Amino acid sequence: MQNRVIKKATCYKKQAYDYFPIPGDLPFPNQEYDVQFKTDTDEIIDCTCSIFEYQVLEEGDEGELVLNGHQIIRFADKIKEITE
């Protein structure tokens, strides 16, 4: 899948929630982190991210967003993919 570049996006909404991969099978849920971005054309983009990405983002942050599917590759100066 090719990367999608959105020149201006805003971190619109953040949500953390408990997720049970197999209901009733695990005593403890996984913590999931979702972020919604809003583009300048009012498109809403849903992404699932890591706890580290979730913690550095604040609602209202703006910048260039690079995605691969629903995976955040880069956002403003907050998130960057590390390549070796």
C-alpha atoms as a PDB file:
ATOM      1  CA  MET A   1       0.000   0.000   0.000  1.00  0.00           C
ATOM      2  CA  GLN A   2       1.282   3.442  -0.894  1.00  0.00           C
ATOM      3  CA  ASN A   3       1.698   6.187   1.695  1.00  0.00           C
ATOM      4  CA  ARG A   4      -0.942   8.904   1.728  1.00  0.00           C
ATOM      5  CA  VAL A   5       0.205  12.457   2.459  1.00  0.00           C
ATOM      6  CA  ILE A   6      -2.248  14.985   3.859  1.00  0.00           C
ATOM      7  CA  LYS A   7      -0.743  18.465   3.907  1.00  0.00           C
ATOM      8  CA  LYS A   8      -2.896  19.788   6.752  1.00  0.00           C
ATOM      9  CA  ALA A   9      -4.581  17.627   9.363  1.00  0.00           C
ATOM     10  CA  THR A  10      -5.748  18.283  12.893  1.00  0.00           C
ATOM     11  CA  CYS A  11      -5.763  15.799  15.761  1.00  0.00           C
ATOM     12  CA  TYR A  12      -9.509  15.885  16.249  1.00  0.00           C
ATOM     13  CA  LYS A  13     -10.288  13.286  18.920  1.00  0.00           C
ATOM     14  CA  LYS A  14      -8.422  10.757  21.091  1.00  0.00           C
ATOM     15  CA  GLN A  15      -9.919   7.714  22.783  1.00  0.00           C
ATOM     16  CA  ALA A  16      -8.469   4.911  24.903  1.00  0.00           C
ATOM     17  CA  TYR A  17     -10.583   1.846  25.625  1.00  0.00           C
ATOM     18  CA  ASP A  18     -10.436  -1.742  26.812  1.00  0.00           C
ATOM     19  CA  TYR A  19     -10.569  -4.421  24.138  1.00  0.00           C
ATOM     20  CA  PHE A  20     -11.200  -8.109  24.775  1.00  0.00           C
ATOM     21  CA  PRO A  21      -9.752 -10.060  21.814  1.00  0.00           C
ATOM     22  CA  ILE A  22     -11.669 -13.183  22.835  1.00  0.00           C
ATOM     23  CA  PRO A  23     -14.555 -12.290  25.162  1.00  0.00           C
ATOM     24  CA  GLY A  24     -14.477 -14.270  28.363  1.00  0.00           C
ATOM     25  CA  ASP A  25     -11.170 -15.991  27.531  1.00  0.00           C
ATOM     26  CA  LEU A  26      -8.740 -13.449  28.957  1.00  0.00           C
ATOM     27  CA  PRO A  27      -9.095 -12.083  32.468  1.00  0.00           C
ATOM     28  CA  PHE A  28      -7.597  -8.717  31.458  1.00  0.00           C
ATOM     29  CA  PRO A  29      -8.399  -6.653  28.377  1.00  0.00           C
ATOM     30  CA  ASN A  30      -5.887  -5.113  25.986  1.00  0.00           C
ATOM     31  CA  GLN A  31      -5.723  -1.333  26.043  1.00  0.00           C
ATOM     32  CA  GLU A  32      -6.410   0.131  22.577  1.00  0.00           C
ATOM     33  CA  TYR A  33      -5.724   3.698  21.459  1.00  0.00           C
ATOM     34  CA  ASP A  34      -7.599   5.467  18.667  1.00  0.00           C
ATOM     35  CA  VAL A  35      -6.970   8.885  17.192  1.00  0.00           C
ATOM     36  CA  GLN A  36      -9.141  10.756  14.722  1.00  0.00           C
ATOM     37  CA  PHE A  37      -7.687  13.334  12.383  1.00  0.00           C
ATOM     38  CA  LYS A  38      -9.704  15.934  10.501  1.00  0.00           C
ATOM     39  CA  THR A  39      -8.461  17.246   7.158  1.00  0.00           C
ATOM     40  CA  ASP A  40      -9.007  20.726   5.728  1.00  0.00           C
ATOM     41  CA  THR A  41     -11.750  19.168   3.547  1.00  0.00           C
ATOM     42  CA  ASP A  42     -13.514  17.941   6.746  1.00  0.00           C
ATOM     43  CA  GLU A  43     -12.647  14.274   6.091  1.00  0.00           C
ATOM     44  CA  ILE A  44     -12.362  12.276   9.327  1.00  0.00           C
ATOM     45  CA  ILE A  45      -9.588   9.673   9.379  1.00  0.00           C
ATOM     46  CA  ASP A  46      -9.535   6.973  12.094  1.00  0.00           C
ATOM     47  CA  CYS A  47      -6.199   5.516  13.192  1.00  0.00           C
ATOM     48  CA  THR A  48      -5.218   2.995  15.835  1.00  0.00           C
ATOM     49  CA  CYS A  49      -1.906   3.867  17.438  1.00  0.00           C
ATOM     50  CA  SER A  50       0.522   2.833  20.158  1.00  0.00           C
ATOM     51  CA  ILE A  51       0.442   4.218  23.682  1.00  0.00           C
ATOM     52  CA  PHE A  52       3.580   6.239  22.854  1.00  0.00           C
ATOM     53  CA  GLU A  53       1.948   7.935  19.860  1.00  0.00           C
ATOM     54  CA  TYR A  54      -1.249   8.460  21.843  1.00  0.00           C
ATOM     55  CA  GLN A  55       0.606  10.183  24.680  1.00  0.00           C
ATOM     56  CA  VAL A  56       2.469  12.701  22.482  1.00  0.00           C
ATOM     57  CA  LEU A  57      -0.632  13.789  20.560  1.00  0.00           C
ATOM     58  CA  GLU A  58      -2.949  16.471  21.869  1.00  0.00           C
ATOM     59  CA  GLU A  59      -6.365  17.308  20.485  1.00  0.00           C
ATOM     60  CA  GLY A  60      -5.927  20.413  18.330  1.00  0.00           C
ATOM     61  CA  ASP A  61      -2.384  19.562  17.138  1.00  0.00           C
ATOM     62  CA  GLU A  62      -1.963  20.424  13.455  1.00  0.00           C
ATOM     63  CA  GLY A  63       0.499  19.443  10.766  1.00  0.00           C
ATOM     64  CA  GLU A  64       1.299  17.208   7.823  1.00  0.00           C
ATOM     65  CA  LEU A  65       0.004  13.651   8.228  1.00  0.00           C
ATOM     66  CA  VAL A  66       1.496  10.643   6.435  1.00  0.00           C
ATOM     67  CA  LEU A  67      -0.443   7.368   6.604  1.00  0.00           C
ATOM     68  CA  ASN A  68      -0.056   3.864   5.304  1.00  0.00           C
ATOM     69  CA  GLY A  69      -3.588   2.521   5.444  1.00  0.00           C
ATOM     70  CA  HIS A  70      -4.641   3.445   8.991  1.00  0.00           C
ATOM     71  CA  GLN A  71      -1.093   3.390  10.380  1.00  0.00           C
ATOM     72  CA  ILE A  72       0.468   6.745  11.255  1.00  0.00           C
ATOM     73  CA  ILE A  73       3.898   7.083   9.630  1.00  0.00           C
ATOM     74  CA  ARG A  74       4.465  10.746  10.482  1.00  0.00           C
ATOM     75  CA  PHE A  75       2.504  13.626  11.965  1.00  0.00           C
ATOM     76  CA  ALA A  76       3.883  17.157  12.286  1.00  0.00           C
ATOM     77  CA  ASP A  77       6.891  17.115  14.603  1.00  0.00           C
ATOM     78  CA  LYS A  78       5.183  14.709  17.015  1.00  0.00           C
ATOM     79  CA  ILE A  79       5.446  11.277  15.330  1.00  0.00           C
ATOM     80  CA  LYS A  80       8.142  10.056  12.963  1.00  0.00           C
ATOM     81  CA  GLU A  81       8.874   6.614  11.567  1.00  0.00           C
ATOM     82  CA  ILE A  82      12.374   5.507  12.534  1.00  0.00           C
ATOM     83  CA  THR A  83      14.369   3.882   9.772  1.00  0.00           C
ATOM     84  CA  GLU A  84      17.795   2.376  10.231  1.00  0.00           C
END
